[in-house]
Amino acid sequence: MLFPIVKNTIPGVNNPRYLDFFGDFVFLPSYNSGYERFIFGPAFGLVFQWRFVG
């Protein structure tokens, strides 16, 4: 779900800005054994989008 920050940054052009958050699980392999031994690790972050709609 995108949260709108600014409706139109440049006047006369349809270009909104959005902010989003995400969470995911990733494979973290062992340094010595590779993918024979691994754990699941979390990944969190922000996504910034500046769309230009024509």
C-alpha atoms as a PDB file:
ATOM      1  CA  MET A   1       0.000   0.000   0.000  1.00  0.00           C
ATOM      2  CA  LEU A   2       1.473   3.341  -1.049  1.00  0.00           C
ATOM      3  CA  PHE A   3       1.045   6.418   1.113  1.00  0.00           C
ATOM      4  CA  PRO A   4       0.877   9.657  -0.896  1.00  0.00           C
ATOM      5  CA  ILE A   5       3.306  12.359   0.225  1.00  0.00           C
ATOM      6  CA  VAL A   6       2.936  15.058  -2.456  1.00  0.00           C
ATOM      7  CA  LYS A   7       0.166  15.160  -5.072  1.00  0.00           C
ATOM      8  CA  ASN A   8       1.981  17.093  -7.838  1.00  0.00           C
ATOM      9  CA  THR A   9       5.596  18.105  -7.352  1.00  0.00           C
ATOM     10  CA  ILE A  10       5.927  19.923 -10.697  1.00  0.00           C
ATOM     11  CA  PRO A  11       2.831  22.034 -11.537  1.00  0.00           C
ATOM     12  CA  GLY A  12       1.064  20.994 -14.742  1.00  0.00           C
ATOM     13  CA  VAL A  13       2.525  17.465 -14.747  1.00  0.00           C
ATOM     14  CA  ASN A  14       0.849  14.449 -13.120  1.00  0.00           C
ATOM     15  CA  ASN A  15       3.755  13.330 -10.906  1.00  0.00           C
ATOM     16  CA  PRO A  16       2.823  12.203  -7.373  1.00  0.00           C
ATOM     17  CA  ARG A  17       5.299  11.000  -4.745  1.00  0.00           C
ATOM     18  CA  TYR A  18       4.615   7.953  -2.567  1.00  0.00           C
ATOM     19  CA  LEU A  19       6.182   6.284   0.466  1.00  0.00           C
ATOM     20  CA  ASP A  20       5.855   2.593   1.313  1.00  0.00           C
ATOM     21  CA  PHE A  21       7.221   0.146   3.900  1.00  0.00           C
ATOM     22  CA  PHE A  22       8.119  -3.487   3.293  1.00  0.00           C
ATOM     23  CA  GLY A  23       9.087  -6.580   5.225  1.00  0.00           C
ATOM     24  CA  ASP A  24      10.421  -9.868   3.906  1.00  0.00           C
ATOM     25  CA  PHE A  25      12.335 -12.997   4.872  1.00  0.00           C
ATOM     26  CA  VAL A  26      15.609 -13.866   3.149  1.00  0.00           C
ATOM     27  CA  PHE A  27      17.950 -16.887   3.145  1.00  0.00           C
ATOM     28  CA  LEU A  28      21.210 -16.218   4.979  1.00  0.00           C
ATOM     29  CA  PRO A  29      23.673 -18.978   4.032  1.00  0.00           C
ATOM     30  CA  SER A  30      26.469 -20.119   6.309  1.00  0.00           C
ATOM     31  CA  TYR A  31      29.888 -18.625   5.566  1.00  0.00           C
ATOM     32  CA  ASN A  32      31.625 -22.030   5.711  1.00  0.00           C
ATOM     33  CA  SER A  33      28.911 -24.463   4.519  1.00  0.00           C
ATOM     34  CA  GLY A  34      27.014 -22.341   1.989  1.00  0.00           C
ATOM     35  CA  TYR A  35      23.382 -23.370   1.550  1.00  0.00           C
ATOM     36  CA  GLU A  36      23.828 -26.672   3.397  1.00  0.00           C
ATOM     37  CA  ARG A  37      23.263 -24.713   6.627  1.00  0.00           C
ATOM     38  CA  PHE A  38      21.213 -21.533   6.490  1.00  0.00           C
ATOM     39  CA  ILE A  39      18.800 -19.451   8.519  1.00  0.00           C
ATOM     40  CA  PHE A  40      15.899 -17.190   7.627  1.00  0.00           C
ATOM     41  CA  GLY A  41      16.581 -13.547   8.276  1.00  0.00           C
ATOM     42  CA  PRO A  42      14.242 -10.554   8.253  1.00  0.00           C
ATOM     43  CA  ALA A  43      14.577  -7.606   5.885  1.00  0.00           C
ATOM     44  CA  PHE A  44      12.771  -4.305   6.466  1.00  0.00           C
ATOM     45  CA  GLY A  45      12.906  -1.062   4.573  1.00  0.00           C
ATOM     46  CA  LEU A  46      11.379   1.981   2.916  1.00  0.00           C
ATOM     47  CA  VAL A  47      10.358   2.449  -0.707  1.00  0.00           C
ATOM     48  CA  PHE A  48      10.152   5.926  -2.229  1.00  0.00           C
ATOM     49  CA  GLN A  49       8.390   6.335  -5.602  1.00  0.00           C
ATOM     50  CA  TRP A  50       8.163   9.411  -7.780  1.00  0.00           C
ATOM     51  CA  ARG A  51       5.789   8.567 -10.620  1.00  0.00           C
ATOM     52  CA  PHE A  52       5.378  10.432 -13.877  1.00  0.00           C
ATOM     53  CA  VAL A  53       1.983   9.510 -15.357  1.00  0.00           C
ATOM     54  CA  GLY A  54       1.342  10.515 -18.934  1.00  0.00           C
END
